[in-house]
Amino acid sequence: MDTEHGQSKPIGRFAPTPSGRMHLGNIYASLLAWLSIRSANGTLLLRIEDLDERTRSGPWTSLLLDDLRWLGLYWEGEPVFQHDREELYRNAVERLTAAGLTYPCFCTRAELHAASAPHASDGTPVYAGTCRNLTPAEVAARSAVRPPATRLRVPVCESPEGTISFTDRVFGRQRQTLALDCGDFLIRRSDGVFAYQLAVVVDDAAMGVNEIVRGCDLLSSTPRQIYLQCLLGYDEPRYGHIPLLLAPDGRRLAKRDHDLDMEELRQRFGTAEHLLGWVAHLAGITPDDKPRSAEELVAFFSWDKLREHHENIVIRRASL
């Protein structure tokens, strides 16, 4: 399966998860997504990815909005909240199920990680198809013990529909055979929460998003999303996966580790212009780290610069 992109007005999105305070990696990704859209006179939307109930408590959503405004990274329209859109996800799962493309899965997390199948590059086990051919009687018996998750069938290796190709704006041509590289994947968890892969595809289509800029840790999951887009009759967005910011020990910056979060960064840099100028230089957008507003940085942005600096970036506190 291969696709081409039309030349329509770009519509992008921020899609943060309110699980903690924004950190340096979030700012870096948000800035590049914002600059890409603004440099093309496009539209930027905001979606709060709060499907998991645990992300809906605490101050994080209001802090996210405040931090984006402080940075000058404005968006168009009102924020969209995933927890308000579950009917859309349910309808998508029902369509896929009616087409015979899903099945119930009773595998536990421990069983999945103990499987002999190798892991995909994003750390997800390649599903071995354990529950793919259960009989109705077996499904009924197992459902009496625990609720099932829902998996999407992917084509067998020999099928041309099962090999997904696309061109990323930073990392170039990508190709993945779903059966070998991820296997049948979850679209709804056993606790009823809709999976990221499904929700993001449905949301982007419903919002008219045709440009996605995000970290390269999600590059390997993109073929699953393109496959879902094809099955559901959605257009494929244009993807740009950017290098990650890494801590000195090589791990990805994460909210749970409080890595250079906005509270610390706002105190350290003092103004949004100082912080954005430094981040833009870190990304290879500007020749120096001179303080600049988000609007001033638009003139410096180009995807060619991001392609030239496509290696992950290690952050050392001494450089701040």
C-alpha atoms as a PDB file:
ATOM      1  CA  MET A   1       0.000   0.000   0.000  1.00  0.00           C
ATOM      2  CA  ASP A   2       1.392   3.367  -0.997  1.00  0.00           C
ATOM      3  CA  THR A   3      -0.102   6.837  -1.032  1.00  0.00           C
ATOM      4  CA  GLU A   4       0.507  10.313  -2.408  1.00  0.00           C
ATOM      5  CA  HIS A   5      -0.341  13.655  -0.826  1.00  0.00           C
ATOM      6  CA  GLY A   6      -2.341  16.485  -2.319  1.00  0.00           C
ATOM      7  CA  GLN A   7      -1.396  20.126  -1.943  1.00  0.00           C
ATOM      8  CA  SER A   8      -4.142  21.422   0.370  1.00  0.00           C
ATOM      9  CA  LYS A   9      -3.890  24.092   3.033  1.00  0.00           C
ATOM     10  CA  PRO A  10      -2.038  22.560   5.999  1.00  0.00           C
ATOM     11  CA  ILE A  11      -4.016  21.864   9.162  1.00  0.00           C
ATOM     12  CA  GLY A  12      -1.889  20.722  12.060  1.00  0.00           C
ATOM     13  CA  ARG A  13      -2.441  20.044  15.722  1.00  0.00           C
ATOM     14  CA  PHE A  14      -0.960  20.050  19.168  1.00  0.00           C
ATOM     15  CA  ALA A  15      -2.009  16.837  20.929  1.00  0.00           C
ATOM     16  CA  PRO A  16      -0.623  16.893  24.487  1.00  0.00           C
ATOM     17  CA  THR A  17      -1.522  14.399  27.200  1.00  0.00           C
ATOM     18  CA  PRO A  18      -2.189  16.157  30.538  1.00  0.00           C
ATOM     19  CA  SER A  19      -0.217  13.685  32.641  1.00  0.00           C
ATOM     20  CA  GLY A  20       2.184  16.268  34.074  1.00  0.00           C
ATOM     21  CA  ARG A  21       3.799  19.628  33.463  1.00  0.00           C
ATOM     22  CA  MET A  22       5.154  20.277  29.971  1.00  0.00           C
ATOM     23  CA  HIS A  23       8.882  19.565  29.759  1.00  0.00           C
ATOM     24  CA  LEU A  24      11.606  20.648  27.379  1.00  0.00           C
ATOM     25  CA  GLY A  25      10.850  17.856  24.900  1.00  0.00           C
ATOM     26  CA  ASN A  26       7.196  18.912  24.706  1.00  0.00           C
ATOM     27  CA  ILE A  27       8.188  22.537  24.102  1.00  0.00           C
ATOM     28  CA  TYR A  28      10.631  21.528  21.373  1.00  0.00           C
ATOM     29  CA  ALA A  29       8.028  19.390  19.554  1.00  0.00           C
ATOM     30  CA  SER A  30       5.275  21.986  19.992  1.00  0.00           C
ATOM     31  CA  LEU A  31       7.485  24.766  18.656  1.00  0.00           C
ATOM     32  CA  LEU A  32       8.436  22.823  15.523  1.00  0.00           C
ATOM     33  CA  ALA A  33       4.815  21.824  14.850  1.00  0.00           C
ATOM     34  CA  TRP A  34       3.767  25.462  15.299  1.00  0.00           C
ATOM     35  CA  LEU A  35       6.534  26.818  13.062  1.00  0.00           C
ATOM     36  CA  SER A  36       5.761  24.323  10.300  1.00  0.00           C
ATOM     37  CA  ILE A  37       2.112  25.386  10.187  1.00  0.00           C
ATOM     38  CA  ARG A  38       2.767  29.128  10.533  1.00  0.00           C
ATOM     39  CA  SER A  39       5.450  29.090   7.822  1.00  0.00           C
ATOM     40  CA  ALA A  40       2.840  27.679   5.428  1.00  0.00           C
ATOM     41  CA  ASN A  41       0.006  29.990   6.579  1.00  0.00           C
ATOM     42  CA  GLY A  42      -1.918  26.993   7.840  1.00  0.00           C
ATOM     43  CA  THR A  43      -4.264  26.344  10.747  1.00  0.00           C
ATOM     44  CA  LEU A  44      -3.262  24.831  14.071  1.00  0.00           C
ATOM     45  CA  LEU A  45      -5.735  23.028  16.332  1.00  0.00           C
ATOM     46  CA  LEU A  46      -5.394  21.850  19.930  1.00  0.00           C
ATOM     47  CA  ARG A  47      -6.512  18.423  21.147  1.00  0.00           C
ATOM     48  CA  ILE A  48      -6.158  17.296  24.762  1.00  0.00           C
ATOM     49  CA  GLU A  49      -5.533  13.552  24.757  1.00  0.00           C
ATOM     50  CA  ASP A  50      -7.223  12.569  28.018  1.00  0.00           C
ATOM     51  CA  LEU A  51      -8.820   9.209  27.216  1.00  0.00           C
ATOM     52  CA  ASP A  52      -7.371   7.680  30.367  1.00  0.00           C
ATOM     53  CA  GLU A  53      -9.323   8.931  33.392  1.00  0.00           C
ATOM     54  CA  ARG A  54      -6.058   9.371  35.305  1.00  0.00           C
ATOM     55  CA  THR A  55      -5.127  12.276  33.008  1.00  0.00           C
ATOM     56  CA  ARG A  56      -8.287  14.231  33.848  1.00  0.00           C
ATOM     57  CA  SER A  57      -7.487  14.989  37.476  1.00  0.00           C
ATOM     58  CA  GLY A  58      -5.097  17.610  38.752  1.00  0.00           C
ATOM     59  CA  PRO A  59      -4.070  20.970  37.311  1.00  0.00           C
ATOM     60  CA  TRP A  60      -2.238  19.720  34.245  1.00  0.00           C
ATOM     61  CA  THR A  61      -4.659  20.761  31.498  1.00  0.00           C
ATOM     62  CA  SER A  62      -4.915  24.340  32.725  1.00  0.00           C
ATOM     63  CA  LEU A  63      -1.136  24.488  33.130  1.00  0.00           C
ATOM     64  CA  LEU A  64      -0.657  23.160  29.586  1.00  0.00           C
ATOM     65  CA  LEU A  65      -2.851  25.901  28.178  1.00  0.00           C
ATOM     66  CA  ASP A  66      -1.123  28.553  30.273  1.00  0.00           C
ATOM     67  CA  ASP A  67       2.348  27.389  29.213  1.00  0.00           C
ATOM     68  CA  LEU A  68       1.446  27.365  25.503  1.00  0.00           C
ATOM     69  CA  ARG A  69       0.033  30.886  25.795  1.00  0.00           C
ATOM     70  CA  TRP A  70       3.120  32.065  27.688  1.00  0.00           C
ATOM     71  CA  LEU A  71       5.290  30.689  24.878  1.00  0.00           C
ATOM     72  CA  GLY A  72       3.164  32.489  22.276  1.00  0.00           C
ATOM     73  CA  LEU A  73       2.211  29.211  20.588  1.00  0.00           C
ATOM     74  CA  TYR A  74      -1.407  30.086  19.892  1.00  0.00           C
ATOM     75  CA  TRP A  75      -3.944  27.887  18.138  1.00  0.00           C
ATOM     76  CA  GLU A  76      -7.247  28.321  16.332  1.00  0.00           C
ATOM     77  CA  GLY A  77     -10.615  27.460  17.846  1.00  0.00           C
ATOM     78  CA  GLU A  78     -11.483  25.846  21.149  1.00  0.00           C
ATOM     79  CA  PRO A  79      -9.496  22.900  22.527  1.00  0.00           C
ATOM     80  CA  VAL A  80     -10.920  19.468  21.709  1.00  0.00           C
ATOM     81  CA  PHE A  81     -11.003  16.894  24.522  1.00  0.00           C
ATOM     82  CA  GLN A  82     -10.777  13.209  23.711  1.00  0.00           C
ATOM     83  CA  HIS A  83     -13.011  12.211  26.619  1.00  0.00           C
ATOM     84  CA  ASP A  84     -15.879  13.986  24.811  1.00  0.00           C
ATOM     85  CA  ARG A  85     -15.385  11.945  21.632  1.00  0.00           C
ATOM     86  CA  GLU A  86     -15.813   8.338  22.717  1.00  0.00           C
ATOM     87  CA  GLU A  87     -18.873   7.857  20.516  1.00  0.00           C
ATOM     88  CA  LEU A  88     -16.688   8.519  17.462  1.00  0.00           C
ATOM     89  CA  TYR A  89     -14.216   5.836  18.550  1.00  0.00           C
ATOM     90  CA  ARG A  90     -17.008   3.386  19.349  1.00  0.00           C
ATOM     91  CA  ASN A  91     -18.507   3.854  15.895  1.00  0.00           C
ATOM     92  CA  ALA A  92     -15.125   3.219  14.271  1.00  0.00           C
ATOM     93  CA  VAL A  93     -14.641  -0.029  16.217  1.00  0.00           C
ATOM     94  CA  GLU A  94     -18.162  -1.134  15.276  1.00  0.00           C
ATOM     95  CA  ARG A  95     -17.431  -0.487  11.589  1.00  0.00           C
ATOM     96  CA  LEU A  96     -14.240  -2.527  11.738  1.00  0.00           C
ATOM     97  CA  THR A  97     -15.961  -5.322  13.639  1.00  0.00           C
ATOM     98  CA  ALA A  98     -18.863  -5.435  11.178  1.00  0.00           C
ATOM     99  CA  ALA A  99     -16.290  -5.906   8.417  1.00  0.00           C
ATOM    100  CA  GLY A 100     -14.839  -8.933  10.243  1.00  0.00           C
ATOM    101  CA  LEU A 101     -11.556  -7.170  10.946  1.00  0.00           C
ATOM    102  CA  THR A 102     -11.447  -7.450  14.752  1.00  0.00           C
ATOM    103  CA  TYR A 103     -11.444 -10.159  17.388  1.00  0.00           C
ATOM    104  CA  PRO A 104     -11.446 -10.360  21.201  1.00  0.00           C
ATOM    105  CA  CYS A 105      -8.064 -10.827  22.878  1.00  0.00           C
ATOM    106  CA  PHE A 106      -7.623 -12.173  26.403  1.00  0.00           C
ATOM    107  CA  CYS A 107      -3.815 -12.038  26.646  1.00  0.00           C
ATOM    108  CA  THR A 108      -2.435 -10.334  29.743  1.00  0.00           C
ATOM    109  CA  ARG A 109       0.418  -7.858  29.643  1.00  0.00           C
ATOM    110  CA  ALA A 110       2.709 -10.438  31.247  1.00  0.00           C
ATOM    111  CA  GLU A 111       1.791 -13.032  28.622  1.00  0.00           C
ATOM    112  CA  LEU A 112       2.483 -10.583  25.817  1.00  0.00           C
ATOM    113  CA  HIS A 113       5.909  -9.669  27.126  1.00  0.00           C
ATOM    114  CA  ALA A 114       6.768 -13.316  27.758  1.00  0.00           C
ATOM    115  CA  ALA A 115       5.956 -14.224  24.157  1.00  0.00           C
ATOM    116  CA  SER A 116       8.796 -15.434  21.972  1.00  0.00           C
ATOM    117  CA  ALA A 117       7.958 -12.936  19.229  1.00  0.00           C
ATOM    118  CA  PRO A 118      10.427 -10.049  18.953  1.00  0.00           C
ATOM    119  CA  HIS A 119       9.572  -6.521  19.959  1.00  0.00           C
ATOM    120  CA  ALA A 120       8.819  -3.710  17.551  1.00  0.00           C
ATOM    121  CA  SER A 121      11.150  -0.722  17.530  1.00  0.00           C
ATOM    122  CA  ASP A 122       8.764   1.180  19.811  1.00  0.00           C
ATOM    123  CA  GLY A 123       9.027  -1.525  22.478  1.00  0.00           C
ATOM    124  CA  THR A 124       5.670  -3.159  21.743  1.00  0.00           C
ATOM    125  CA  PRO A 125       5.732  -6.970  21.449  1.00  0.00           C
ATOM    126  CA  VAL A 126       4.925  -8.256  17.990  1.00  0.00           C
ATOM    127  CA  TYR A 127       1.648 -10.056  18.628  1.00  0.00           C
ATOM    128  CA  ALA A 128       1.851 -13.771  17.965  1.00  0.00           C
ATOM    129  CA  GLY A 129      -1.849 -14.193  17.113  1.00  0.00           C
ATOM    130  CA  THR A 130      -2.659 -16.213  20.242  1.00  0.00           C
ATOM    131  CA  CYS A 131      -6.354 -15.276  20.288  1.00  0.00           C
ATOM    132  CA  ARG A 132      -6.837 -14.770  16.557  1.00  0.00           C
ATOM    133  CA  ASN A 133      -8.668 -18.057  15.880  1.00  0.00           C
ATOM    134  CA  LEU A 134     -10.546 -18.738  19.109  1.00  0.00           C
ATOM    135  CA  THR A 135     -13.871 -20.514  18.672  1.00  0.00           C
ATOM    136  CA  PRO A 136     -17.110 -18.861  19.868  1.00  0.00           C
ATOM    137  CA  ALA A 137     -17.181 -21.322  22.757  1.00  0.00           C
ATOM    138  CA  GLU A 138     -13.640 -20.419  23.784  1.00  0.00           C
ATOM    139  CA  VAL A 139     -14.460 -16.708  23.590  1.00  0.00           C
ATOM    140  CA  ALA A 140     -17.541 -17.196  25.775  1.00  0.00           C
ATOM    141  CA  ALA A 141     -15.622 -19.204  28.363  1.00  0.00           C
ATOM    142  CA  ARG A 142     -12.784 -16.696  28.605  1.00  0.00           C
ATOM    143  CA  SER A 143     -15.171 -13.718  28.661  1.00  0.00           C
ATOM    144  CA  ALA A 144     -16.714 -15.155  31.818  1.00  0.00           C
ATOM    145  CA  VAL A 145     -13.314 -14.836  33.515  1.00  0.00           C
ATOM    146  CA  ARG A 146     -12.109 -11.458  32.264  1.00  0.00           C
ATOM    147  CA  PRO A 147     -13.225  -8.854  29.725  1.00  0.00           C
ATOM    148  CA  PRO A 148     -11.361  -8.983  26.426  1.00  0.00           C
ATOM    149  CA  ALA A 149      -9.437  -6.310  24.594  1.00  0.00           C
ATOM    150  CA  THR A 150     -10.144  -5.789  20.890  1.00  0.00           C
ATOM    151  CA  ARG A 151      -7.483  -6.416  18.256  1.00  0.00           C
ATOM    152  CA  LEU A 152      -7.410  -5.453  14.604  1.00  0.00           C
ATOM    153  CA  ARG A 153      -6.430  -8.139  12.123  1.00  0.00           C
ATOM    154  CA  VAL A 154      -3.576  -7.203   9.799  1.00  0.00           C
ATOM    155  CA  PRO A 155      -3.048  -8.868   6.406  1.00  0.00           C
ATOM    156  CA  VAL A 156      -0.756 -11.861   6.086  1.00  0.00           C
ATOM    157  CA  CYS A 157       2.838 -11.212   5.020  1.00  0.00           C
ATOM    158  CA  GLU A 158       2.234 -12.193   1.402  1.00  0.00           C
ATOM    159  CA  SER A 159      -0.571  -9.667   0.991  1.00  0.00           C
ATOM    160  CA  PRO A 160       0.406  -6.362  -0.667  1.00  0.00           C
ATOM    161  CA  GLU A 161      -2.139  -4.560   1.540  1.00  0.00           C
ATOM    162  CA  GLY A 162      -0.097  -5.523   4.580  1.00  0.00           C
ATOM    163  CA  THR A 163       3.031  -3.609   3.553  1.00  0.00           C
ATOM    164  CA  ILE A 164       2.758   0.101   4.276  1.00  0.00           C
ATOM    165  CA  SER A 165       5.052   2.677   2.658  1.00  0.00           C
ATOM    166  CA  PHE A 166       5.186   6.415   3.229  1.00  0.00           C
ATOM    167  CA  THR A 167       7.686   9.252   3.024  1.00  0.00           C
ATOM    168  CA  ASP A 168       8.528  11.064   6.230  1.00  0.00           C
ATOM    169  CA  ARG A 169       9.601  14.709   5.970  1.00  0.00           C
ATOM    170  CA  VAL A 170      12.719  14.102   8.063  1.00  0.00           C
ATOM    171  CA  PHE A 171      13.553  10.403   7.834  1.00  0.00           C
ATOM    172  CA  GLY A 172      12.565   9.816   4.217  1.00  0.00           C
ATOM    173  CA  ARG A 173      11.107   6.632   2.786  1.00  0.00           C
ATOM    174  CA  GLN A 174       9.665   4.195   5.343  1.00  0.00           C
ATOM    175  CA  ARG A 175       8.334   0.687   4.772  1.00  0.00           C
ATOM    176  CA  GLN A 176       6.803  -1.762   7.201  1.00  0.00           C
ATOM    177  CA  THR A 177       5.150  -5.166   6.868  1.00  0.00           C
ATOM    178  CA  LEU A 178       2.511  -5.159   9.576  1.00  0.00           C
ATOM    179  CA  ALA A 179       2.358  -8.906  10.163  1.00  0.00           C
ATOM    180  CA  LEU A 180       6.113  -9.052  10.770  1.00  0.00           C
ATOM    181  CA  ASP A 181       6.701  -5.709  12.474  1.00  0.00           C
ATOM    182  CA  CYS A 182       3.725  -5.381  14.830  1.00  0.00           C
ATOM    183  CA  GLY A 183       1.157  -8.129  14.258  1.00  0.00           C
ATOM    184  CA  ASP A 184      -2.528  -7.693  15.037  1.00  0.00           C
ATOM    185  CA  PHE A 185      -2.720  -4.609  17.248  1.00  0.00           C
ATOM    186  CA  LEU A 186      -5.019  -3.280  19.951  1.00  0.00           C
ATOM    187  CA  ILE A 187      -7.723  -0.765  19.155  1.00  0.00           C
ATOM    188  CA  ARG A 188      -9.479  -1.049  22.522  1.00  0.00           C
ATOM    189  CA  ARG A 189      -8.075  -2.130  25.871  1.00  0.00           C
ATOM    190  CA  SER A 190      -9.689  -4.704  28.145  1.00  0.00           C
ATOM    191  CA  ASP A 191     -10.744  -1.918  30.541  1.00  0.00           C
ATOM    192  CA  GLY A 192     -12.775  -0.328  27.737  1.00  0.00           C
ATOM    193  CA  VAL A 193     -10.377   2.544  27.005  1.00  0.00           C
ATOM    194  CA  PHE A 194      -9.861   3.080  23.294  1.00  0.00           C
ATOM    195  CA  ALA A 195      -6.264   2.604  22.178  1.00  0.00           C
ATOM    196  CA  TYR A 196      -4.067   5.476  21.070  1.00  0.00           C
ATOM    197  CA  GLN A 197      -3.682   4.103  17.542  1.00  0.00           C
ATOM    198  CA  LEU A 198      -7.430   4.189  16.931  1.00  0.00           C
ATOM    199  CA  ALA A 199      -8.242   7.423  18.763  1.00  0.00           C
ATOM    200  CA  VAL A 200      -5.550   9.491  17.064  1.00  0.00           C
ATOM    201  CA  VAL A 201      -6.626   8.324  13.609  1.00  0.00           C
ATOM    202  CA  VAL A 202     -10.314   9.026  14.229  1.00  0.00           C
ATOM    203  CA  ASP A 203      -9.586  12.412  15.808  1.00  0.00           C
ATOM    204  CA  ASP A 204      -7.247  13.609  13.085  1.00  0.00           C
ATOM    205  CA  ALA A 205      -9.759  12.677  10.401  1.00  0.00           C
ATOM    206  CA  ALA A 206     -12.678  14.311  12.237  1.00  0.00           C
ATOM    207  CA  MET A 207     -10.668  17.493  12.795  1.00  0.00           C
ATOM    208  CA  GLY A 208      -9.427  17.676   9.195  1.00  0.00           C
ATOM    209  CA  VAL A 209      -5.775  17.359  10.240  1.00  0.00           C
ATOM    210  CA  ASN A 210      -3.508  16.785   7.244  1.00  0.00           C
ATOM    211  CA  GLU A 211      -0.103  17.559   8.766  1.00  0.00           C
ATOM    212  CA  ILE A 212       1.360  15.757  11.790  1.00  0.00           C
ATOM    213  CA  VAL A 213       4.644  16.781  13.424  1.00  0.00           C
ATOM    214  CA  ARG A 214       5.771  14.662  16.372  1.00  0.00           C
ATOM    215  CA  GLY A 215       8.715  12.826  17.910  1.00  0.00           C
ATOM    216  CA  CYS A 216      10.483  10.039  16.029  1.00  0.00           C
ATOM    217  CA  ASP A 217       9.601   7.612  18.827  1.00  0.00           C
ATOM    218  CA  LEU A 218       6.210   7.396  17.064  1.00  0.00           C
ATOM    219  CA  LEU A 219       7.671   6.778  13.604  1.00  0.00           C
ATOM    220  CA  SER A 220       7.238   3.004  13.838  1.00  0.00           C
ATOM    221  CA  SER A 221       3.569   3.293  14.843  1.00  0.00           C
ATOM    222  CA  THR A 222       2.680   5.390  11.792  1.00  0.00           C
ATOM    223  CA  PRO A 223       2.105   2.390   9.451  1.00  0.00           C
ATOM    224  CA  ARG A 224      -0.549   1.075  11.872  1.00  0.00           C
ATOM    225  CA  GLN A 225      -2.281   4.428  11.714  1.00  0.00           C
ATOM    226  CA  ILE A 226      -2.072   4.568   7.918  1.00  0.00           C
ATOM    227  CA  TYR A 227      -3.590   1.081   7.758  1.00  0.00           C
ATOM    228  CA  LEU A 228      -6.489   2.220   9.948  1.00  0.00           C
ATOM    229  CA  GLN A 229      -6.939   5.331   7.802  1.00  0.00           C
ATOM    230  CA  CYS A 230      -7.220   3.119   4.734  1.00  0.00           C
ATOM    231  CA  LEU A 231      -9.759   0.768   6.338  1.00  0.00           C
ATOM    232  CA  LEU A 232     -11.906   3.643   7.596  1.00  0.00           C
ATOM    233  CA  GLY A 233     -11.747   5.605   4.344  1.00  0.00           C
ATOM    234  CA  TYR A 234      -9.766   8.539   5.742  1.00  0.00           C
ATOM    235  CA  ASP A 235      -7.160  10.617   3.929  1.00  0.00           C
ATOM    236  CA  GLU A 236      -3.546  10.122   4.985  1.00  0.00           C
ATOM    237  CA  PRO A 237      -1.887  13.151   6.603  1.00  0.00           C
ATOM    238  CA  ARG A 238       1.643  14.240   5.811  1.00  0.00           C
ATOM    239  CA  TYR A 239       4.048  13.121   8.535  1.00  0.00           C
ATOM    240  CA  GLY A 240       7.173  14.758   9.902  1.00  0.00           C
ATOM    241  CA  HIS A 241       8.895  12.914  12.747  1.00  0.00           C
ATOM    242  CA  ILE A 242      11.507  14.970  14.526  1.00  0.00           C
ATOM    243  CA  PRO A 243      14.558  13.829  16.513  1.00  0.00           C
ATOM    244  CA  LEU A 244      14.138  13.377  20.245  1.00  0.00           C
ATOM    245  CA  LEU A 245      15.682  15.317  23.088  1.00  0.00           C
ATOM    246  CA  LEU A 246      17.538  12.916  25.348  1.00  0.00           C
ATOM    247  CA  ALA A 247      18.840  13.136  28.898  1.00  0.00           C
ATOM    248  CA  PRO A 248      22.616  12.668  29.368  1.00  0.00           C
ATOM    249  CA  ASP A 249      22.052   8.972  30.165  1.00  0.00           C
ATOM    250  CA  GLY A 250      20.371   8.458  26.782  1.00  0.00           C
ATOM    251  CA  ARG A 251      16.759   8.184  27.936  1.00  0.00           C
ATOM    252  CA  ARG A 252      13.958  10.221  26.420  1.00  0.00           C
ATOM    253  CA  LEU A 253      12.850  13.234  28.439  1.00  0.00           C
ATOM    254  CA  ALA A 254       9.625  12.357  30.250  1.00  0.00           C
ATOM    255  CA  LYS A 255       7.055  14.123  32.406  1.00  0.00           C
ATOM    256  CA  ARG A 256       7.212  11.431  35.058  1.00  0.00           C
ATOM    257  CA  ASP A 257      10.888  12.221  35.636  1.00  0.00           C
ATOM    258  CA  HIS A 258      10.264  15.991  35.876  1.00  0.00           C
ATOM    259  CA  ASP A 259      12.976  16.582  33.277  1.00  0.00           C
ATOM    260  CA  LEU A 260      13.404  20.307  32.789  1.00  0.00           C
ATOM    261  CA  ASP A 261       9.710  21.038  33.195  1.00  0.00           C
ATOM    262  CA  MET A 262       8.122  24.404  32.528  1.00  0.00           C
ATOM    263  CA  GLU A 263       8.220  25.507  36.128  1.00  0.00           C
ATOM    264  CA  GLU A 264      12.008  25.203  36.152  1.00  0.00           C
ATOM    265  CA  LEU A 265      12.427  26.516  32.607  1.00  0.00           C
ATOM    266  CA  ARG A 266      10.297  29.618  33.154  1.00  0.00           C
ATOM    267  CA  GLN A 267      12.350  30.444  36.224  1.00  0.00           C
ATOM    268  CA  ARG A 268      15.665  29.706  34.525  1.00  0.00           C
ATOM    269  CA  PHE A 269      15.057  31.596  31.260  1.00  0.00           C
ATOM    270  CA  GLY A 270      12.799  34.348  32.527  1.00  0.00           C
ATOM    271  CA  THR A 271      11.122  35.124  29.199  1.00  0.00           C
ATOM    272  CA  ALA A 272       9.565  33.036  26.463  1.00  0.00           C
ATOM    273  CA  GLU A 273      11.874  34.684  23.925  1.00  0.00           C
ATOM    274  CA  HIS A 274      15.009  33.490  25.740  1.00  0.00           C
ATOM    275  CA  LEU A 275      13.656  29.936  26.019  1.00  0.00           C
ATOM    276  CA  LEU A 276      12.377  29.728  22.426  1.00  0.00           C
ATOM    277  CA  GLY A 277      15.572  31.177  20.999  1.00  0.00           C
ATOM    278  CA  TRP A 278      17.602  28.544  22.804  1.00  0.00           C
ATOM    279  CA  VAL A 279      15.288  25.687  21.743  1.00  0.00           C
ATOM    280  CA  ALA A 280      15.266  26.840  18.107  1.00  0.00           C
ATOM    281  CA  HIS A 281      19.064  26.873  18.040  1.00  0.00           C
ATOM    282  CA  LEU A 282      19.116  23.436  19.676  1.00  0.00           C
ATOM    283  CA  ALA A 283      16.914  22.162  16.835  1.00  0.00           C
ATOM    284  CA  GLY A 284      19.202  23.653  14.191  1.00  0.00           C
ATOM    285  CA  ILE A 285      16.639  26.223  13.068  1.00  0.00           C
ATOM    286  CA  THR A 286      18.661  29.336  13.924  1.00  0.00           C
ATOM    287  CA  PRO A 287      22.415  30.060  13.686  1.00  0.00           C
ATOM    288  CA  ASP A 288      22.554  31.266  17.304  1.00  0.00           C
ATOM    289  CA  ASP A 289      20.504  31.193  20.502  1.00  0.00           C
ATOM    290  CA  LYS A 290      19.540  34.850  20.419  1.00  0.00           C
ATOM    291  CA  PRO A 291      16.187  35.493  22.175  1.00  0.00           C
ATOM    292  CA  ARG A 292      13.384  35.469  19.618  1.00  0.00           C
ATOM    293  CA  SER A 293       9.603  35.269  19.800  1.00  0.00           C
ATOM    294  CA  ALA A 294       7.708  32.447  18.155  1.00  0.00           C
ATOM    295  CA  GLU A 295       6.604  34.843  15.416  1.00  0.00           C
ATOM    296  CA  GLU A 296      10.193  35.931  14.743  1.00  0.00           C
ATOM    297  CA  LEU A 297      11.266  32.292  14.402  1.00  0.00           C
ATOM    298  CA  VAL A 298       8.844  31.591  11.545  1.00  0.00           C
ATOM    299  CA  ALA A 299      11.225  33.202   9.038  1.00  0.00           C
ATOM    300  CA  PHE A 300      14.019  30.793  10.081  1.00  0.00           C
ATOM    301  CA  PHE A 301      12.034  27.571   9.789  1.00  0.00           C
ATOM    302  CA  SER A 302      12.545  25.014   7.034  1.00  0.00           C
ATOM    303  CA  TRP A 303      12.229  21.246   6.805  1.00  0.00           C
ATOM    304  CA  ASP A 304      15.599  21.138   5.052  1.00  0.00           C
ATOM    305  CA  LYS A 305      17.229  22.294   8.293  1.00  0.00           C
ATOM    306  CA  LEU A 306      15.487  19.546  10.257  1.00  0.00           C
ATOM    307  CA  ARG A 307      16.626  16.942   7.743  1.00  0.00           C
ATOM    308  CA  GLU A 308      20.205  18.167   8.131  1.00  0.00           C
ATOM    309  CA  HIS A 309      19.983  17.785  11.932  1.00  0.00           C
ATOM    310  CA  HIS A 310      18.146  14.472  12.169  1.00  0.00           C
ATOM    311  CA  GLU A 311      20.105  12.937  15.026  1.00  0.00           C
ATOM    312  CA  ASN A 312      18.658  12.803  18.544  1.00  0.00           C
ATOM    313  CA  ILE A 313      19.876  15.657  20.734  1.00  0.00           C
ATOM    314  CA  VAL A 314      21.416  15.086  24.169  1.00  0.00           C
ATOM    315  CA  ILE A 315      20.580  17.808  26.690  1.00  0.00           C
ATOM    316  CA  ARG A 316      23.203  18.729  29.260  1.00  0.00           C
ATOM    317  CA  ARG A 317      22.137  21.041  32.039  1.00  0.00           C
ATOM    318  CA  ALA A 318      25.446  22.860  31.849  1.00  0.00           C
ATOM    319  CA  SER A 319      24.413  24.100  28.396  1.00  0.00           C
ATOM    320  CA  LEU A 320      21.296  25.830  29.704  1.00  0.00           C
END
